[in-house]
């Protein structure tokens, strides 16, 4: 099977990503959640308000 130029160009970055993932998995650390529920909900409300403003401005 003949390799195309594009396939050859992708080989190195794909290998680098796979190597990174394998290295990460070997030295994995647990994720520590730092955000509070109140903080997350405040951000959600902020985004909702912003989106409503955008939608209202675009519907005029």
N, C-alpha and C. Protein backbone atom coordinates (compact mmCIF):
# COMPACT_ATOMS: atom_id res chain seq x y z
N UNK A 1 0.84 -1.18 0.00
CA UNK A 1 0.00 0.00 0.00
C UNK A 1 0.88 1.25 0.00
N UNK A 2 0.60 2.16 -0.90
CA UNK A 2 1.41 3.37 -1.04
C UNK A 2 0.99 4.41 -0.02
N UNK A 3 1.97 5.00 0.64
CA UNK A 3 1.70 6.02 1.64
C UNK A 3 1.60 7.39 0.96
N UNK A 4 0.57 8.12 1.31
CA UNK A 4 0.43 9.46 0.75
C UNK A 4 1.26 10.43 1.57
N UNK A 5 1.50 11.61 1.01
CA UNK A 5 2.27 12.63 1.71
C UNK A 5 1.57 13.04 3.01
N UNK A 6 0.25 13.17 2.95
CA UNK A 6 -0.52 13.57 4.12
C UNK A 6 -0.39 12.54 5.24
N UNK A 7 -0.45 11.26 4.88
CA UNK A 7 -0.31 10.20 5.87
C UNK A 7 1.07 10.27 6.51
N UNK A 8 2.08 10.51 5.72
CA UNK A 8 3.44 10.61 6.24
C UNK A 8 3.58 11.81 7.17
N UNK A 9 2.92 12.92 6.83
CA UNK A 9 3.01 14.12 7.67
C UNK A 9 2.29 13.92 9.00
N UNK A 10 1.29 13.08 9.02
CA UNK A 10 0.52 12.86 10.24
C UNK A 10 1.15 11.84 11.18
N UNK A 11 2.02 11.01 10.66
CA UNK A 11 2.60 9.95 11.47
C UNK A 11 3.30 10.48 12.73
N UNK A 12 4.14 11.50 12.59
CA UNK A 12 4.89 12.02 13.73
C UNK A 12 3.99 12.66 14.79
N UNK A 13 3.08 13.60 14.42
CA UNK A 13 2.23 14.19 15.46
C UNK A 13 1.32 13.16 16.14
N UNK A 14 0.84 12.17 15.39
CA UNK A 14 0.00 11.13 16.00
C UNK A 14 0.82 10.35 17.02
N UNK A 15 2.05 10.01 16.67
CA UNK A 15 2.92 9.30 17.61
C UNK A 15 3.20 10.14 18.85
N UNK A 16 3.42 11.44 18.66
CA UNK A 16 3.68 12.32 19.80
C UNK A 16 2.48 12.38 20.74
N UNK A 17 1.28 12.45 20.18
CA UNK A 17 0.07 12.48 21.02
C UNK A 17 -0.08 11.17 21.76
N UNK A 18 0.11 10.06 21.07
CA UNK A 18 0.00 8.75 21.73
C UNK A 18 1.04 8.58 22.82
N UNK A 19 2.28 9.03 22.56
CA UNK A 19 3.33 8.96 23.59
C UNK A 19 2.96 9.79 24.81
N UNK A 20 2.41 10.98 24.57
CA UNK A 20 2.00 11.85 25.68
C UNK A 20 0.91 11.17 26.51
N UNK A 21 -0.09 10.62 25.84
CA UNK A 21 -1.18 9.96 26.55
C UNK A 21 -0.66 8.78 27.36
N UNK A 22 0.20 7.98 26.75
CA UNK A 22 0.75 6.83 27.48
C UNK A 22 1.56 7.27 28.68
N UNK A 23 2.35 8.31 28.53
CA UNK A 23 3.13 8.84 29.64
C UNK A 23 2.22 9.37 30.74
N UNK A 24 1.18 10.09 30.35
CA UNK A 24 0.23 10.64 31.32
C UNK A 24 -0.44 9.51 32.09
N UNK A 25 -0.85 8.47 31.39
CA UNK A 25 -1.53 7.35 32.04
C UNK A 25 -0.61 6.61 33.01
N UNK A 26 0.67 6.54 32.70
CA UNK A 26 1.62 5.87 33.59
C UNK A 26 1.84 6.67 34.87
N UNK A 27 1.74 8.00 34.79
CA UNK A 27 2.00 8.87 35.95
C UNK A 27 0.75 9.64 36.34
N UNK A 28 -0.40 9.01 36.19
CA UNK A 28 -1.67 9.71 36.43
C UNK A 28 -1.81 10.13 37.90
N UNK A 29 -2.42 11.30 38.06
CA UNK A 29 -2.72 11.82 39.39
C UNK A 29 -4.22 12.08 39.45
N UNK A 30 -4.83 11.84 40.61
CA UNK A 30 -6.27 12.06 40.69
C UNK A 30 -6.61 13.54 40.52
N UNK A 31 -7.75 13.79 39.91
CA UNK A 31 -8.23 15.16 39.72
C UNK A 31 -8.78 15.66 41.05
N UNK A 32 -8.38 16.85 41.44
CA UNK A 32 -8.88 17.46 42.66
C UNK A 32 -9.83 18.59 42.29
N UNK A 33 -11.08 18.44 42.67
CA UNK A 33 -12.10 19.44 42.36
C UNK A 33 -11.94 20.61 43.33
N UNK A 34 -11.84 21.82 42.80
CA UNK A 34 -11.63 22.99 43.66
C UNK A 34 -12.79 23.98 43.63
N UNK A 35 -13.63 23.88 42.62
CA UNK A 35 -14.75 24.83 42.49
C UNK A 35 -15.87 24.44 43.45
N UNK A 36 -16.53 25.46 43.98
CA UNK A 36 -17.68 25.19 44.84
C UNK A 36 -18.94 25.13 43.99
N UNK A 37 -19.95 24.50 44.53
CA UNK A 37 -21.24 24.43 43.83
C UNK A 37 -21.78 25.83 43.58
N UNK A 38 -21.70 26.69 44.58
CA UNK A 38 -22.20 28.06 44.43
C UNK A 38 -21.44 28.80 43.34
N UNK A 39 -20.14 28.60 43.27
CA UNK A 39 -19.34 29.26 42.24
C UNK A 39 -19.72 28.81 40.84
N UNK A 40 -19.94 27.50 40.69
CA UNK A 40 -20.33 26.96 39.39
C UNK A 40 -21.69 27.49 38.97
N UNK A 41 -22.64 27.47 39.90
CA UNK A 41 -23.99 27.95 39.57
C UNK A 41 -23.99 29.44 39.26
N UNK A 42 -23.14 30.22 39.93
CA UNK A 42 -23.05 31.65 39.63
C UNK A 42 -22.56 31.86 38.20
N UNK A 43 -21.59 31.06 37.77
CA UNK A 43 -21.09 31.17 36.40
C UNK A 43 -22.15 30.75 35.39
N UNK A 44 -22.91 29.71 35.72
CA UNK A 44 -23.98 29.27 34.83
C UNK A 44 -25.01 30.38 34.66
N UNK A 45 -25.38 31.02 35.77
CA UNK A 45 -26.35 32.13 35.69
C UNK A 45 -25.80 33.27 34.85
N UNK A 46 -24.53 33.58 35.01
CA UNK A 46 -23.90 34.65 34.24
C UNK A 46 -23.95 34.34 32.74
N UNK A 47 -23.64 33.10 32.38
CA UNK A 47 -23.68 32.71 30.97
C UNK A 47 -25.11 32.75 30.45
N UNK A 48 -26.07 32.29 31.26
CA UNK A 48 -27.47 32.35 30.83
C UNK A 48 -27.90 33.78 30.56
N UNK A 49 -27.55 34.69 31.44
CA UNK A 49 -27.91 36.10 31.26
C UNK A 49 -27.27 36.66 29.99
N UNK A 50 -25.99 36.35 29.79
CA UNK A 50 -25.29 36.84 28.61
C UNK A 50 -25.91 36.29 27.34
N UNK A 51 -26.25 35.00 27.35
CA UNK A 51 -26.84 34.39 26.16
C UNK A 51 -28.21 34.99 25.86
N UNK A 52 -28.99 35.25 26.89
CA UNK A 52 -30.31 35.87 26.67
C UNK A 52 -30.15 37.24 26.03
N UNK A 53 -29.16 38.01 26.48
CA UNK A 53 -28.92 39.33 25.90
C UNK A 53 -28.52 39.22 24.43
N UNK A 54 -27.66 38.25 24.13
CA UNK A 54 -27.22 38.06 22.74
C UNK A 54 -28.41 37.67 21.86
N UNK A 55 -29.21 36.73 22.32
CA UNK A 55 -30.36 36.27 21.56
C UNK A 55 -31.34 37.43 21.35
N UNK A 56 -31.61 38.19 22.39
CA UNK A 56 -32.53 39.32 22.27
C UNK A 56 -32.01 40.37 21.30
N UNK A 57 -30.72 40.64 21.32
CA UNK A 57 -30.13 41.63 20.40
C UNK A 57 -30.18 41.15 18.96
N UNK A 58 -30.03 39.84 18.76
CA UNK A 58 -30.03 39.29 17.39
C UNK A 58 -31.43 39.14 16.82
N UNK A 59 -32.42 39.14 17.68
CA UNK A 59 -33.79 38.95 17.17
C UNK A 59 -34.44 40.27 16.76
N UNK A 60 -33.75 41.36 16.94
CA UNK A 60 -34.32 42.68 16.57
C UNK A 60 -34.10 42.98 15.12
